[in-house]
Protein backbone atom coordinates (compact mmCIF):
# COMPACT_ATOMS: atom_id res chain seq x y z
CA UNK A 1 -5.88 3.64 -14.31
CA UNK A 2 -8.38 4.04 -11.47
CA UNK A 3 -7.51 2.61 -8.09
CA UNK A 4 -9.63 1.76 -5.11
CA UNK A 5 -8.10 0.85 -1.78
CA UNK A 6 -10.03 -0.95 0.93
CA UNK A 7 -9.62 -3.31 3.83
CA UNK A 8 -8.71 -0.89 6.58
CA UNK A 9 -10.25 -0.96 10.00
CA UNK A 10 -9.68 -0.97 13.73
CA UNK A 11 -7.34 -3.61 15.11
CA UNK A 12 -5.53 -4.18 18.38
CA UNK A 13 -1.78 -3.95 18.59
CA UNK A 14 -0.21 -7.19 17.43
CA UNK A 15 -3.07 -7.88 15.06
CA UNK A 16 -3.17 -8.15 11.28
CA UNK A 17 -4.98 -6.59 8.37
CA UNK A 18 -4.83 -7.06 4.64
CA UNK A 19 -5.36 -4.06 2.44
CA UNK A 20 -6.44 -4.47 -1.16
CA UNK A 21 -6.07 -2.15 -4.11
CA UNK A 22 -8.25 -2.86 -7.11
CA UNK A 23 -7.42 -1.30 -10.45
CA UNK A 24 -9.59 -0.60 -13.45
CA UNK A 25 -9.33 1.26 -16.70
CA UNK A 26 -5.96 0.06 -17.92
CA UNK A 27 -3.81 -3.02 -17.81
CA UNK A 28 -2.77 -3.26 -14.19
CA UNK A 29 0.22 -5.42 -14.99
CA UNK A 30 1.89 -2.50 -16.78
CA UNK A 31 2.26 -0.51 -13.57
CA UNK A 32 4.46 -0.49 -10.53
CA UNK A 33 2.48 -0.21 -7.32
CA UNK A 34 3.35 1.62 -4.15
CA UNK A 35 1.68 1.86 -0.78
CA UNK A 36 1.94 5.02 1.27
CA UNK A 37 0.44 6.21 4.51
CA UNK A 38 -0.31 9.49 6.17
CA UNK A 39 -0.93 9.98 9.85
CA UNK A 40 -2.64 13.12 11.20
CA UNK A 41 -0.26 16.06 11.19
CA UNK A 42 2.44 14.12 9.36
CA UNK A 43 3.64 13.96 5.80
CA UNK A 44 2.73 11.12 3.51
CA UNK A 45 5.37 8.43 3.81
CA UNK A 46 6.48 5.44 1.80
CA UNK A 47 5.50 2.00 3.05
CA UNK A 48 6.20 -0.53 0.30
CA UNK A 49 6.42 -0.84 -3.46
CA UNK A 50 7.13 -3.33 -6.17
CA UNK A 51 7.51 -3.71 -9.88
CA UNK A 52 4.69 -4.62 -12.23
CA UNK A 53 5.85 -8.24 -12.02
CA UNK A 54 5.98 -8.19 -8.23
CA UNK A 55 9.45 -9.68 -8.35
CA UNK A 56 11.35 -6.73 -6.91
CA UNK A 57 10.08 -5.17 -3.72
CA UNK A 58 11.12 -2.39 -1.38
CA UNK A 59 9.95 -1.65 2.14
CA UNK A 60 10.32 1.17 4.57
CA UNK A 61 12.54 0.18 7.48
CA UNK A 62 9.66 0.71 9.87
CA UNK A 63 7.61 -2.09 8.30
CA UNK A 64 10.24 -4.58 7.16
CA UNK A 65 9.52 -8.05 8.39
CA UNK A 66 5.94 -7.13 9.28
CA UNK A 67 4.34 -6.02 6.01
CA UNK A 68 4.25 -7.86 2.71
CA UNK A 69 3.33 -6.35 -0.63
CA UNK A 70 1.97 -8.59 -3.34
CA UNK A 71 -0.27 -8.53 -6.36
CA UNK A 72 -2.44 -10.67 -8.57
CA UNK A 73 -2.35 -9.17 -12.04
CA UNK A 74 -5.00 -11.56 -13.26
CA UNK A 75 -7.37 -10.00 -10.74
CA UNK A 76 -6.07 -6.45 -11.23
CA UNK A 77 -5.52 -6.30 -7.50
CA UNK A 78 -2.62 -5.44 -5.24
CA UNK A 79 -2.32 -6.31 -1.57
CA UNK A 80 -0.56 -5.12 1.52
CA UNK A 81 -0.52 -7.76 4.25
CA UNK A 82 0.18 -6.13 7.59
CA UNK A 83 1.08 -8.15 10.67
CA UNK A 84 2.32 -7.35 14.16
CA UNK A 85 0.63 -4.00 13.88
CA UNK A 86 1.64 -1.21 16.21
CA UNK A 87 -0.16 1.99 17.24
CA UNK A 88 2.44 3.89 15.18
CA UNK A 89 1.03 2.20 12.09
CA UNK A 90 -2.20 4.14 12.51
CA UNK A 91 -2.74 6.21 9.36
CA UNK A 92 -4.69 6.50 6.15
CA UNK A 93 -3.16 4.07 3.70
CA UNK A 94 -3.04 4.78 0.00
CA UNK A 95 -2.16 2.67 -2.98
CA UNK A 96 -0.62 4.30 -6.01
CA UNK A 97 0.54 3.26 -9.45
CA UNK A 98 3.02 4.48 -12.00
CA UNK A 99 4.34 3.25 -15.32
CA UNK A 100 7.88 1.96 -15.27
CA UNK A 101 10.01 1.26 -12.22
CA UNK A 102 8.67 1.75 -8.73
CA UNK A 103 9.64 4.80 -6.73
CA UNK A 104 9.64 5.54 -3.02
CA UNK A 105 8.60 9.17 -3.37
CA UNK A 106 4.86 9.71 -3.37
CA UNK A 107 5.06 12.59 -5.85
CA UNK A 108 6.38 10.28 -8.56
CA UNK A 109 3.14 8.34 -8.75
CA UNK A 110 0.46 9.34 -11.21
CA UNK A 111 -2.51 7.35 -10.01
CA UNK A 112 -3.95 7.13 -6.52
CA UNK A 113 -6.65 5.32 -4.66
CA UNK A 114 -8.86 7.15 -2.21
CA UNK A 115 -7.20 5.85 0.96
CA UNK A 116 -8.36 3.51 3.67
CA UNK A 117 -8.08 4.17 7.40
CA UNK A 118 -6.07 1.82 9.58
CA UNK A 119 -6.32 2.35 13.32
CA UNK A 120 -4.26 0.28 15.73
CA UNK A 121 -5.24 0.47 19.38
CA UNK A 122 -2.80 -0.20 22.19
């Protein structure tokens, strides 16, 4: 499956953005989706993930209550709604997919989008 992430941009602290991840090539609904981010000089870290059905979700503690992961399998698209953004959220955000259950480790995902930059100014 090929993934393309988009929707990043520059936003002030406290603002919101919605990232999208569009899939093609295979049946999107067969895959768990995860979102990860990587800030300059830091390792890639888990943000959120959910099952193919979207019914079971998991969030990093740093984004709980602020970010929401969702998906529309009919549109082959996943979303990451980000609110109350902080400067620490600044990073390149990636969507990823894997068959089976979701994982929180980036190296357990087989398919990756190209990343989209999110910059939060203070």
